[in-house]
PDB file of all heavy atoms in Angstrom:
ATOM      1  N   HIS A   1     151.714 -40.341 131.686  1.00  0.00           N
ATOM      2  CA  HIS A   1     150.719 -41.285 132.195  1.00  0.00           C
ATOM      3  C   HIS A   1     150.805 -42.661 131.515  1.00  0.00           C
ATOM      4  O   HIS A   1     150.719 -43.682 132.184  1.00  0.00           O
ATOM      5  CB  HIS A   1     149.312 -40.707 132.012  1.00  0.00           C
ATOM      6  CG  HIS A   1     148.235 -41.550 132.600  1.00  0.00           C
ATOM      7  ND1 HIS A   1     147.965 -41.575 133.947  1.00  0.00           N
ATOM      8  CD2 HIS A   1     147.378 -42.426 132.025  1.00  0.00           C
ATOM      9  CE1 HIS A   1     146.982 -42.425 134.180  1.00  0.00           C
ATOM     10  NE2 HIS A   1     146.600 -42.951 133.033  1.00  0.00           N
ATOM     11  N   HIS A   2     150.963 -42.667 130.192  1.00  0.00           N
ATOM     12  CA  HIS A   2     150.926 -43.921 129.437  1.00  0.00           C
ATOM     13  C   HIS A   2     152.303 -44.474 129.086  1.00  0.00           C
ATOM     14  O   HIS A   2     152.403 -45.619 128.652  1.00  0.00           O
ATOM     15  CB  HIS A   2     150.115 -43.745 128.147  1.00  0.00           C
ATOM     16  CG  HIS A   2     148.669 -43.489 128.391  1.00  0.00           C
ATOM     17  ND1 HIS A   2     147.806 -44.446 128.877  1.00  0.00           N
ATOM     18  CD2 HIS A   2     147.922 -42.363 128.233  1.00  0.00           C
ATOM     19  CE1 HIS A   2     146.592 -43.930 128.994  1.00  0.00           C
ATOM     20  NE2 HIS A   2     146.645 -42.671 128.617  1.00  0.00           N
ATOM     21  N   GLY A   3     153.331 -43.652 129.222  1.00  0.00           N
ATOM     22  CA  GLY A   3     154.689 -44.111 128.930  1.00  0.00           C
ATOM     23  C   GLY A   3     154.846 -44.571 127.491  1.00  0.00           C
ATOM     24  O   GLY A   3     154.355 -43.945 126.558  1.00  0.00           O
ATOM     25  N   ALA A   4     155.520 -45.712 127.323  1.00  0.00           N
ATOM     26  CA  ALA A   4     155.818 -46.245 125.998  1.00  0.00           C
ATOM     27  C   ALA A   4     154.556 -46.656 125.237  1.00  0.00           C
ATOM     28  O   ALA A   4     154.596 -46.828 124.023  1.00  0.00           O
ATOM     29  CB  ALA A   4     156.762 -47.437 126.118  1.00  0.00           C
ATOM     30  N   ARG A   5     153.430 -46.801 125.918  1.00  0.00           N
ATOM     31  CA  ARG A   5     152.167 -47.204 125.279  1.00  0.00           C
ATOM     32  C   ARG A   5     151.431 -46.029 124.631  1.00  0.00           C
ATOM     33  O   ARG A   5     150.362 -46.225 124.047  1.00  0.00           O
ATOM     34  CB  ARG A   5     151.248 -47.853 126.307  1.00  0.00           C
ATOM     35  CG  ARG A   5     151.786 -49.112 126.934  1.00  0.00           C
ATOM     36  CD  ARG A   5     150.787 -49.722 127.931  1.00  0.00           C
ATOM     37  NE  ARG A   5     149.849 -48.785 128.489  1.00  0.00           N
ATOM     38  CZ  ARG A   5     149.876 -48.326 129.745  1.00  0.00           C
ATOM     39  NH1 ARG A   5     150.811 -48.701 130.578  1.00  0.00           N
ATOM     40  NH2 ARG A   5     148.958 -47.478 130.171  1.00  0.00           N
ATOM     41  N   LEU A   6     151.968 -44.810 124.747  1.00  0.00           N
ATOM     42  CA  LEU A   6     151.251 -43.635 124.245  1.00  0.00           C
ATOM     43  C   LEU A   6     150.861 -43.779 122.777  1.00  0.00           C
ATOM     44  O   LEU A   6     149.699 -43.568 122.418  1.00  0.00           O
ATOM     45  CB  LEU A   6     152.070 -42.361 124.446  1.00  0.00           C
ATOM     46  CG  LEU A   6     151.413 -41.097 123.890  1.00  0.00           C
ATOM     47  CD1 LEU A   6     150.144 -40.773 124.662  1.00  0.00           C
ATOM     48  CD2 LEU A   6     152.369 -39.934 123.913  1.00  0.00           C
ATOM     49  N   ALA A   7     151.805 -44.129 121.917  1.00  0.00           N
ATOM     50  CA  ALA A   7     151.507 -44.232 120.483  1.00  0.00           C
ATOM     51  C   ALA A   7     150.510 -45.354 120.190  1.00  0.00           C
ATOM     52  O   ALA A   7     149.780 -45.288 119.203  1.00  0.00           O
ATOM     53  CB  ALA A   7     152.796 -44.435 119.692  1.00  0.00           C
ATOM     54  N   ASP A   8     150.451 -46.370 121.051  1.00  0.00           N
ATOM     55  CA  ASP A   8     149.463 -47.435 120.873  1.00  0.00           C
ATOM     56  C   ASP A   8     148.065 -46.956 121.259  1.00  0.00           C
ATOM     57  O   ASP A   8     147.067 -47.455 120.753  1.00  0.00           O
ATOM     58  CB  ASP A   8     149.810 -48.655 121.730  1.00  0.00           C
ATOM     59  CG  ASP A   8     151.092 -49.325 121.285  1.00  0.00           C
ATOM     60  OD1 ASP A   8     151.455 -49.196 120.098  1.00  0.00           O
ATOM     61  OD2 ASP A   8     151.737 -49.947 122.139  1.00  0.00           O
ATOM     62  N   ARG A   9     148.005 -46.010 122.159  1.00  0.00           N
ATOM     63  CA  ARG A   9     146.720 -45.533 122.679  1.00  0.00           C
ATOM     64  C   ARG A   9     146.177 -44.346 121.875  1.00  0.00           C
ATOM     65  O   ARG A   9     144.974 -44.234 121.672  1.00  0.00           O
ATOM     66  CB  ARG A   9     146.898 -45.139 124.138  1.00  0.00           C
ATOM     67  CG  ARG A   9     145.639 -44.722 124.827  1.00  0.00           C
ATOM     68  CD  ARG A   9     145.368 -45.544 126.056  1.00  0.00           C
ATOM     69  NE  ARG A   9     144.225 -45.014 126.771  1.00  0.00           N
ATOM     70  CZ  ARG A   9     143.004 -45.536 126.671  1.00  0.00           C
ATOM     71  NH1 ARG A   9     142.779 -46.593 125.940  1.00  0.00           N
ATOM     72  NH2 ARG A   9     142.004 -45.004 127.348  1.00  0.00           N
ATOM     73  N   TYR A  10     147.052 -43.447 121.445  1.00  0.00           N
ATOM     74  CA  TYR A  10     146.623 -42.231 120.738  1.00  0.00           C
ATOM     75  C   TYR A  10     147.452 -42.006 119.487  1.00  0.00           C
ATOM     76  O   TYR A  10     148.673 -42.042 119.531  1.00  0.00           O
ATOM     77  CB  TYR A  10     146.784 -40.994 121.632  1.00  0.00           C
ATOM     78  CG  TYR A  10     145.950 -41.047 122.874  1.00  0.00           C
ATOM     79  CD1 TYR A  10     146.526 -41.295 124.111  1.00  0.00           C
ATOM     80  CD2 TYR A  10     144.576 -40.855 122.824  1.00  0.00           C
ATOM     81  CE1 TYR A  10     145.762 -41.352 125.262  1.00  0.00           C
ATOM     82  CE2 TYR A  10     143.806 -40.913 123.969  1.00  0.00           C
ATOM     83  CZ  TYR A  10     144.410 -41.167 125.182  1.00  0.00           C
ATOM     84  OH  TYR A  10     143.642 -41.226 126.306  1.00  0.00           O
ATOM     85  N   ALA A  11     146.777 -41.723 118.391  1.00  0.00           N
ATOM     86  CA  ALA A  11     147.447 -41.332 117.158  1.00  0.00           C
ATOM     87  C   ALA A  11     147.407 -39.815 116.998  1.00  0.00           C
ATOM     88  O   ALA A  11     148.306 -39.218 116.422  1.00  0.00           O
ATOM     89  CB  ALA A  11     146.783 -41.994 115.958  1.00  0.00           C
ATOM     90  N   CYS A  12     146.361 -39.193 117.540  1.00  0.00           N
ATOM     91  CA  CYS A  12     146.178 -37.747 117.387  1.00  0.00           C
ATOM     92  C   CYS A  12     145.521 -37.183 118.644  1.00  0.00           C
ATOM     93  O   CYS A  12     144.656 -37.827 119.239  1.00  0.00           O
ATOM     94  CB  CYS A  12     145.304 -37.469 116.169  1.00  0.00           C
ATOM     95  SG  CYS A  12     145.077 -35.722 115.795  1.00  0.00           S
ATOM     96  N   VAL A  13     145.967 -36.000 119.030  1.00  0.00           N
ATOM     97  CA  VAL A  13     145.410 -35.291 120.182  1.00  0.00           C
ATOM     98  C   VAL A  13     144.831 -33.971 119.679  1.00  0.00           C
ATOM     99  O   VAL A  13     145.525 -33.209 119.006  1.00  0.00           O
ATOM    100  CB  VAL A  13     146.506 -35.026 121.242  1.00  0.00           C
ATOM    101  CG1 VAL A  13     145.961 -34.201 122.389  1.00  0.00           C
ATOM    102  CG2 VAL A  13     147.103 -36.336 121.741  1.00  0.00           C
ATOM    103  N   VAL A  14     143.557 -33.720 119.979  1.00  0.00           N
ATOM    104  CA  VAL A  14     142.895 -32.483 119.579  1.00  0.00           C
ATOM    105  C   VAL A  14     142.498 -31.745 120.852  1.00  0.00           C
ATOM    106  O   VAL A  14     141.897 -32.327 121.753  1.00  0.00           O
ATOM    107  CB  VAL A  14     141.639 -32.759 118.722  1.00  0.00           C
ATOM    108  CG1 VAL A  14     140.962 -31.450 118.324  1.00  0.00           C
ATOM    109  CG2 VAL A  14     141.993 -33.580 117.499  1.00  0.00           C
ATOM    110  N   VAL A  15     142.840 -30.451 120.920  1.00  0.00           N
ATOM    111  CA  VAL A  15     142.605 -29.659 122.124  1.00  0.00           C
ATOM    112  C   VAL A  15     141.743 -28.444 121.782  1.00  0.00           C
ATOM    113  O   VAL A  15     142.048 -27.709 120.845  1.00  0.00           O
ATOM    114  CB  VAL A  15     143.941 -29.194 122.743  1.00  0.00           C
ATOM    115  CG1 VAL A  15     143.705 -28.407 124.010  1.00  0.00           C
ATOM    116  CG2 VAL A  15     144.858 -30.382 123.006  1.00  0.00           C
ATOM    117  N   ALA A  16     140.683 -28.235 122.557  1.00  0.00           N
ATOM    118  CA  ALA A  16     139.833 -27.055 122.397  1.00  0.00           C
ATOM    119  C   ALA A  16     140.493 -25.874 123.109  1.00  0.00           C
ATOM    120  O   ALA A  16     140.895 -25.977 124.259  1.00  0.00           O
ATOM    121  CB  ALA A  16     138.451 -27.306 122.987  1.00  0.00           C
ATOM    122  N   GLN A  17     140.601 -24.759 122.402  1.00  0.00           N
ATOM    123  CA  GLN A  17     141.187 -23.532 122.944  1.00  0.00           C
ATOM    124  C   GLN A  17     140.055 -22.551 123.208  1.00  0.00           C
ATOM    125  O   GLN A  17     139.469 -22.034 122.277  1.00  0.00           O
ATOM    126  CB  GLN A  17     142.168 -22.932 121.936  1.00  0.00           C
ATOM    127  CG  GLN A  17     143.269 -23.872 121.518  1.00  0.00           C
ATOM    128  CD  GLN A  17     144.213 -24.161 122.662  1.00  0.00           C
ATOM    129  OE1 GLN A  17     144.655 -23.267 123.367  1.00  0.00           O
ATOM    130  NE2 GLN A  17     144.513 -25.412 122.864  1.00  0.00           N
ATOM    131  N   THR A  18     139.745 -22.298 124.471  1.00  0.00           N
ATOM    132  CA  THR A  18     138.523 -21.555 124.755  1.00  0.00           C
ATOM    133  C   THR A  18     138.697 -20.129 125.239  1.00  0.00           C
ATOM    134  O   THR A  18     137.755 -19.359 125.165  1.00  0.00           O
ATOM    135  CB  THR A  18     137.686 -22.293 125.812  1.00  0.00           C
ATOM    136  OG1 THR A  18     138.463 -22.429 126.985  1.00  0.00           O
ATOM    137  CG2 THR A  18     137.257 -23.638 125.315  1.00  0.00           C
ATOM    138  N   SER A  19     139.822 -19.759 125.757  1.00  0.00           N
ATOM    139  CA  SER A  19     139.925 -18.428 126.356  1.00  0.00           C
ATOM    140  C   SER A  19     140.245 -17.346 125.347  1.00  0.00           C
ATOM    141  O   SER A  19     139.399 -16.533 125.008  1.00  0.00           O
ATOM    142  CB  SER A  19     140.976 -18.420 127.466  1.00  0.00           C
ATOM    143  OG  SER A  19     140.536 -19.195 128.536  1.00  0.00           O
ATOM    144  N   THR A  20     141.452 -17.322 124.860  1.00  0.00           N
ATOM    145  CA  THR A  20     141.875 -16.202 124.022  1.00  0.00           C
ATOM    146  C   THR A  20     141.898 -16.524 122.544  1.00  0.00           C
ATOM    147  O   THR A  20     142.061 -15.634 121.740  1.00  0.00           O
ATOM    148  CB  THR A  20     143.291 -15.750 124.427  1.00  0.00           C
ATOM    149  OG1 THR A  20     144.173 -16.871 124.253  1.00  0.00           O
ATOM    150  CG2 THR A  20     143.331 -15.274 125.852  1.00  0.00           C
ATOM    151  N   GLN A  21     141.731 -17.784 122.180  1.00  0.00           N
ATOM    152  CA  GLN A  21     141.948 -18.158 120.798  1.00  0.00           C
ATOM    153  C   GLN A  21     140.658 -18.549 120.095  1.00  0.00           C
ATOM    154  O   GLN A  21     140.588 -19.558 119.421  1.00  0.00           O
ATOM    155  CB  GLN A  21     142.954 -19.293 120.745  1.00  0.00           C
ATOM    156  CG  GLN A  21     144.283 -18.856 121.303  1.00  0.00           C
ATOM    157  CD  GLN A  21     145.162 -20.037 121.626  1.00  0.00           C
ATOM    158  OE1 GLN A  21     144.703 -21.018 122.172  1.00  0.00           O
ATOM    159  NE2 GLN A  21     146.420 -19.933 121.295  1.00  0.00           N
ATOM    160  N   VAL A  22     139.652 -17.732 120.237  1.00  0.00           N
ATOM    161  CA  VAL A  22     138.402 -18.025 119.545  1.00  0.00           C
ATOM    162  C   VAL A  22     138.356 -17.235 118.248  1.00  0.00           C
ATOM    163  O   VAL A  22     138.709 -16.069 118.202  1.00  0.00           O
ATOM    164  CB  VAL A  22     137.152 -17.735 120.420  1.00  0.00           C
ATOM    165  CG1 VAL A  22     137.088 -18.680 121.589  1.00  0.00           C
ATOM    166  CG2 VAL A  22     137.130 -16.314 120.897  1.00  0.00           C
ATOM    167  N   SER A  23     137.930 -17.888 117.185  1.00  0.00           N
ATOM    168  CA  SER A  23     137.848 -17.214 115.896  1.00  0.00           C
ATOM    169  C   SER A  23     136.491 -16.558 115.712  1.00  0.00           C
ATOM    170  O   SER A  23     136.348 -15.623 114.960  1.00  0.00           O
ATOM    171  CB  SER A  23     138.119 -18.200 114.759  1.00  0.00           C
ATOM    172  OG  SER A  23     137.226 -19.287 114.856  1.00  0.00           O
ATOM    173  N   GLN A  24     135.491 -17.064 116.402  1.00  0.00           N
ATOM    174  CA  GLN A  24     134.157 -16.509 116.393  1.00  0.00           C
ATOM    175  C   GLN A  24     133.671 -16.522 117.839  1.00  0.00           C
ATOM    176  O   GLN A  24     134.099 -17.372 118.612  1.00  0.00           O
ATOM    177  CB  GLN A  24     133.223 -17.359 115.552  1.00  0.00           C
ATOM    178  CG  GLN A  24     133.637 -17.511 114.113  1.00  0.00           C
ATOM    179  CD  GLN A  24     132.739 -18.514 113.410  1.00  0.00           C
ATOM    180  OE1 GLN A  24     131.589 -18.692 113.754  1.00  0.00           O
ATOM    181  NE2 GLN A  24     133.283 -19.178 112.413  1.00  0.00           N
ATOM    182  N   PRO A  25     132.777 -15.624 118.219  1.00  0.00           N
ATOM    183  CA  PRO A  25     132.273 -15.667 119.596  1.00  0.00           C
ATOM    184  C   PRO A  25     131.687 -17.037 119.921  1.00  0.00           C
ATOM    185  O   PRO A  25     130.913 -17.593 119.143  1.00  0.00           O
ATOM    186  CB  PRO A  25     131.191 -14.582 119.609  1.00  0.00           C
ATOM    187  CG  PRO A  25     131.548 -13.675 118.484  1.00  0.00           C
ATOM    188  CD  PRO A  25     132.196 -14.544 117.443  1.00  0.00           C
ATOM    189  N   TRP A  26     132.092 -17.605 121.009  1.00  0.00           N
ATOM    190  CA  TRP A  26     131.594 -18.865 121.545  1.00  0.00           C
ATOM    191  C   TRP A  26     132.000 -20.100 120.735  1.00  0.00           C
ATOM    192  O   TRP A  26     131.488 -21.182 120.964  1.00  0.00           O
ATOM    193  CB  TRP A  26     130.075 -18.842 121.731  1.00  0.00           C
ATOM    194  CG  TRP A  26     129.632 -17.618 122.456  1.00  0.00           C
ATOM    195  CD1 TRP A  26     128.957 -16.555 121.929  1.00  0.00           C
ATOM    196  CD2 TRP A  26     129.852 -17.298 123.825  1.00  0.00           C
ATOM    197  NE1 TRP A  26     128.741 -15.593 122.880  1.00  0.00           N
ATOM    198  CE2 TRP A  26     129.296 -16.031 124.079  1.00  0.00           C
ATOM    199  CE3 TRP A  26     130.493 -17.923 124.884  1.00  0.00           C
ATOM    200  CZ2 TRP A  26     129.342 -15.401 125.305  1.00  0.00           C
ATOM    201  CZ3 TRP A  26     130.531 -17.287 126.117  1.00  0.00           C
ATOM    202  CH2 TRP A  26     129.961 -16.045 126.313  1.00  0.00           C
ATOM    203  N   VAL A  27     132.900 -19.935 119.771  1.00  0.00           N
ATOM    204  CA  VAL A  27     133.379 -21.083 119.000  1.00  0.00           C
ATOM    205  C   VAL A  27     134.895 -21.189 119.187  1.00  0.00           C
ATOM    206  O   VAL A  27     135.644 -20.465 118.560  1.00  0.00           O
ATOM    207  CB  VAL A  27     133.044 -20.947 117.495  1.00  0.00           C
ATOM    208  CG1 VAL A  27     133.548 -22.163 116.727  1.00  0.00           C
ATOM    209  CG2 VAL A  27     131.558 -20.751 117.292  1.00  0.00           C
ATOM    210  N   PRO A  28     135.334 -22.086 120.060  1.00  0.00           N
ATOM    211  CA  PRO A  28     136.765 -22.194 120.300  1.00  0.00           C
ATOM    212  C   PRO A  28     137.526 -22.787 119.115  1.00  0.00           C
ATOM    213  O   PRO A  28     136.985 -23.609 118.367  1.00  0.00           O
ATOM    214  CB  PRO A  28     136.874 -23.128 121.509  1.00  0.00           C
ATOM    215  CG  PRO A  28     135.546 -23.702 121.717  1.00  0.00           C
ATOM    216  CD  PRO A  28     134.558 -22.970 120.889  1.00  0.00           C
ATOM    217  N   ASP A  29     138.748 -22.342 118.959  1.00  0.00           N
ATOM    218  CA  ASP A  29     139.637 -22.948 117.976  1.00  0.00           C
ATOM    219  C   ASP A  29     140.019 -24.344 118.440  1.00  0.00           C
ATOM    220  O   ASP A  29     140.002 -24.641 119.637  1.00  0.00           O
ATOM    221  CB  ASP A  29     140.918 -22.124 117.824  1.00  0.00           C
ATOM    222  CG  ASP A  29     140.740 -20.902 116.943  1.00  0.00           C
ATOM    223  OD1 ASP A  29     139.735 -20.824 116.217  1.00  0.00           O
ATOM    224  OD2 ASP A  29     141.618 -20.027 116.984  1.00  0.00           O
ATOM    225  N   LEU A  30     140.369 -25.189 117.497  1.00  0.00           N
ATOM    226  CA  LEU A  30     140.852 -26.528 117.806  1.00  0.00           C
ATOM    227  C   LEU A  30     142.276 -26.663 117.286  1.00  0.00           C
ATOM    228  O   LEU A  30     142.551 -26.317 116.135  1.00  0.00           O
ATOM    229  CB  LEU A  30     139.984 -27.597 117.132  1.00  0.00           C
ATOM    230  CG  LEU A  30     138.536 -27.681 117.575  1.00  0.00           C
ATOM    231  CD1 LEU A  30     137.795 -28.720 116.736  1.00  0.00           C
ATOM    232  CD2 LEU A  30     138.449 -28.034 119.044  1.00  0.00           C
ATOM    233  N   GLN A  31     143.160 -27.149 118.136  1.00  0.00           N
ATOM    234  CA  GLN A  31     144.520 -27.445 117.719  1.00  0.00           C
ATOM    235  C   GLN A  31     144.735 -28.945 117.833  1.00  0.00           C
ATOM    236  O   GLN A  31     144.302 -29.568 118.806  1.00  0.00           O
ATOM    237  CB  GLN A  31     145.544 -26.713 118.572  1.00  0.00           C
ATOM    238  CG  GLN A  31     145.656 -25.244 118.267  1.00  0.00           C
ATOM    239  CD  GLN A  31     146.847 -24.630 118.975  1.00  0.00           C
ATOM    240  OE1 GLN A  31     147.396 -25.188 119.906  1.00  0.00           O
ATOM    241  NE2 GLN A  31     147.249 -23.465 118.516  1.00  0.00           N
ATOM    242  N   ALA A  32     145.399 -29.511 116.844  1.00  0.00           N
ATOM    243  CA  ALA A  32     145.666 -30.947 116.826  1.00  0.00           C
ATOM    244  C   ALA A  32     147.164 -31.189 116.801  1.00  0.00           C
ATOM    245  O   ALA A  32     147.946 -30.327 116.378  1.00  0.00           O
ATOM    246  CB  ALA A  32     145.006 -31.591 115.612  1.00  0.00           C
ATOM    247  N   TYR A  33     147.539 -32.377 117.265  1.00  0.00           N
ATOM    248  CA  TYR A  33     148.944 -32.784 117.278  1.00  0.00           C
ATOM    249  C   TYR A  33     148.996 -34.266 116.951  1.00  0.00           C
ATOM    250  O   TYR A  33     148.341 -35.072 117.615  1.00  0.00           O
ATOM    251  CB  TYR A  33     149.545 -32.512 118.660  1.00  0.00           C
ATOM    252  CG  TYR A  33     151.008 -32.847 118.762  1.00  0.00           C
ATOM    253  CD1 TYR A  33     151.964 -31.983 118.254  1.00  0.00           C
ATOM    254  CD2 TYR A  33     151.428 -34.023 119.364  1.00  0.00           C
ATOM    255  CE1 TYR A  33     153.316 -32.285 118.352  1.00  0.00           C
ATOM    256  CE2 TYR A  33     152.771 -34.331 119.467  1.00  0.00           C
ATOM    257  CZ  TYR A  33     153.712 -33.455 118.957  1.00  0.00           C
ATOM    258  OH  TYR A  33     155.049 -33.749 119.053  1.00  0.00           O
ATOM    259  N   ASP A  34     149.741 -34.624 115.907  1.00  0.00           N
ATOM    260  CA  ASP A  34     149.906 -36.014 115.526  1.00  0.00           C
ATOM    261  C   ASP A  34     150.999 -36.629 116.397  1.00  0.00           C
ATOM    262  O   ASP A  34     152.145 -36.179 116.361  1.00  0.00           O
ATOM    263  CB  ASP A  34     150.262 -36.138 114.048  1.00  0.00           C
ATOM    264  CG  ASP A  34     149.152 -35.626 113.141  1.00  0.00           C
ATOM    265  OD1 ASP A  34     148.011 -35.511 113.606  1.00  0.00           O
ATOM    266  OD2 ASP A  34     149.442 -35.344 111.957  1.00  0.00           O
ATOM    267  N   VAL A  35     150.646 -37.617 117.197  1.00  0.00           N
ATOM    268  CA  VAL A  35     151.565 -38.186 118.185  1.00  0.00           C
ATOM    269  C   VAL A  35     152.768 -38.828 117.520  1.00  0.00           C
ATOM    270  O   VAL A  35     153.894 -38.658 117.959  1.00  0.00           O
ATOM    271  CB  VAL A  35     150.829 -39.208 119.082  1.00  0.00           C
ATOM    272  CG1 VAL A  35     151.793 -39.935 119.996  1.00  0.00           C
ATOM    273  CG2 VAL A  35     149.752 -38.495 119.901  1.00  0.00           C
ATOM    274  N   ASP A  36     152.561 -39.562 116.449  1.00  0.00           N
ATOM    275  CA  ASP A  36     153.656 -40.254 115.791  1.00  0.00           C
ATOM    276  C   ASP A  36     153.965 -39.563 114.468  1.00  0.00           C
ATOM    277  O   ASP A  36     153.228 -39.705 113.508  1.00  0.00           O
ATOM    278  CB  ASP A  36     153.280 -41.717 115.551  1.00  0.00           C
ATOM    279  CG  ASP A  36     154.456 -42.561 115.100  1.00  0.00           C
ATOM    280  OD1 ASP A  36     155.609 -42.143 115.309  1.00  0.00           O
ATOM    281  OD2 ASP A  36     154.220 -43.641 114.542  1.00  0.00           O
ATOM    282  N   GLY A  37     155.028 -38.783 114.452  1.00  0.00           N
ATOM    283  CA  GLY A  37     155.421 -38.140 113.213  1.00  0.00           C
ATOM    284  C   GLY A  37     155.093 -36.670 113.112  1.00  0.00           C
ATOM    285  O   GLY A  37     155.540 -36.006 112.196  1.00  0.00           O
ATOM    286  N   GLY A  38     154.315 -36.131 114.012  1.00  0.00           N
ATOM    287  CA  GLY A  38     154.019 -34.709 113.959  1.00  0.00           C
ATOM    288  C   GLY A  38     154.952 -33.943 114.871  1.00  0.00           C
ATOM    289  O   GLY A  38     155.191 -34.358 115.992  1.00  0.00           O
ATOM    290  N   ASP A  39     155.504 -32.855 114.367  1.00  0.00           N
ATOM    291  CA  ASP A  39     156.376 -32.086 115.242  1.00  0.00           C
ATOM    292  C   ASP A  39     155.769 -30.744 115.618  1.00  0.00           C
ATOM    293  O   ASP A  39     156.217 -30.096 116.538  1.00  0.00           O
ATOM    294  CB  ASP A  39     157.758 -31.894 114.618  1.00  0.00           C
ATOM    295  CG  ASP A  39     157.693 -31.137 113.297  1.00  0.00           C
ATOM    296  OD1 ASP A  39     156.598 -31.014 112.724  1.00  0.00           O
ATOM    297  OD2 ASP A  39     158.751 -30.671 112.841  1.00  0.00           O
ATOM    298  N   GLN A  40     154.732 -30.340 114.917  1.00  0.00           N
ATOM    299  CA  GLN A  40     154.095 -29.069 115.192  1.00  0.00           C
ATOM    300  C   GLN A  40     152.579 -29.250 115.286  1.00  0.00           C
ATOM    301  O   GLN A  40     151.991 -29.976 114.490  1.00  0.00           O
ATOM    302  CB  GLN A  40     154.392 -28.063 114.077  1.00  0.00           C
ATOM    303  CG  GLN A  40     155.834 -27.641 113.991  1.00  0.00           C
ATOM    304  CD  GLN A  40     156.265 -26.869 115.218  1.00  0.00           C
ATOM    305  OE1 GLN A  40     155.537 -26.021 115.728  1.00  0.00           O
ATOM    306  NE2 GLN A  40     157.446 -27.166 115.725  1.00  0.00           N
ATOM    307  N   PRO A  41     151.953 -28.571 116.245  1.00  0.00           N
ATOM    308  CA  PRO A  41     150.487 -28.580 116.276  1.00  0.00           C
ATOM    309  C   PRO A  41     149.938 -27.836 115.057  1.00  0.00           C
ATOM    310  O   PRO A  41     150.628 -27.016 114.458  1.00  0.00           O
ATOM    311  CB  PRO A  41     150.142 -27.844 117.568  1.00  0.00           C
ATOM    312  CG  PRO A  41     151.397 -27.341 118.130  1.00  0.00           C
ATOM    313  CD  PRO A  41     152.541 -27.819 117.321  1.00  0.00           C
ATOM    314  N   TYR A  42     148.716 -28.136 114.701  1.00  0.00           N
ATOM    315  CA  TYR A  42     148.076 -27.473 113.573  1.00  0.00           C
ATOM    316  C   TYR A  42     146.613 -27.233 113.927  1.00  0.00           C
ATOM    317  O   TYR A  42     146.055 -27.892 114.789  1.00  0.00           O
ATOM    318  CB  TYR A  42     148.203 -28.300 112.290  1.00  0.00           C
ATOM    319  CG  TYR A  42     147.732 -29.729 112.394  1.00  0.00           C
ATOM    320  CD1 TYR A  42     146.437 -30.089 112.031  1.00  0.00           C
ATOM    321  CD2 TYR A  42     148.595 -30.733 112.839  1.00  0.00           C
ATOM    322  CE1 TYR A  42     146.012 -31.404 112.122  1.00  0.00           C
ATOM    323  CE2 TYR A  42     148.169 -32.055 112.926  1.00  0.00           C
ATOM    324  CZ  TYR A  42     146.882 -32.377 112.573  1.00  0.00           C
ATOM    325  OH  TYR A  42     146.461 -33.682 112.657  1.00  0.00           O
TER     326      TYR A  42
END
């Protein structure tokens, strides 16, 4: 969507995991990804 402007627009992306990856009932896990320099989500 953003092309070459992605790193200018976002430094980090955080995603809520709601279906199978909950650590507690009704509390979804969060996974993050560093757009510039991150190679693995955490």
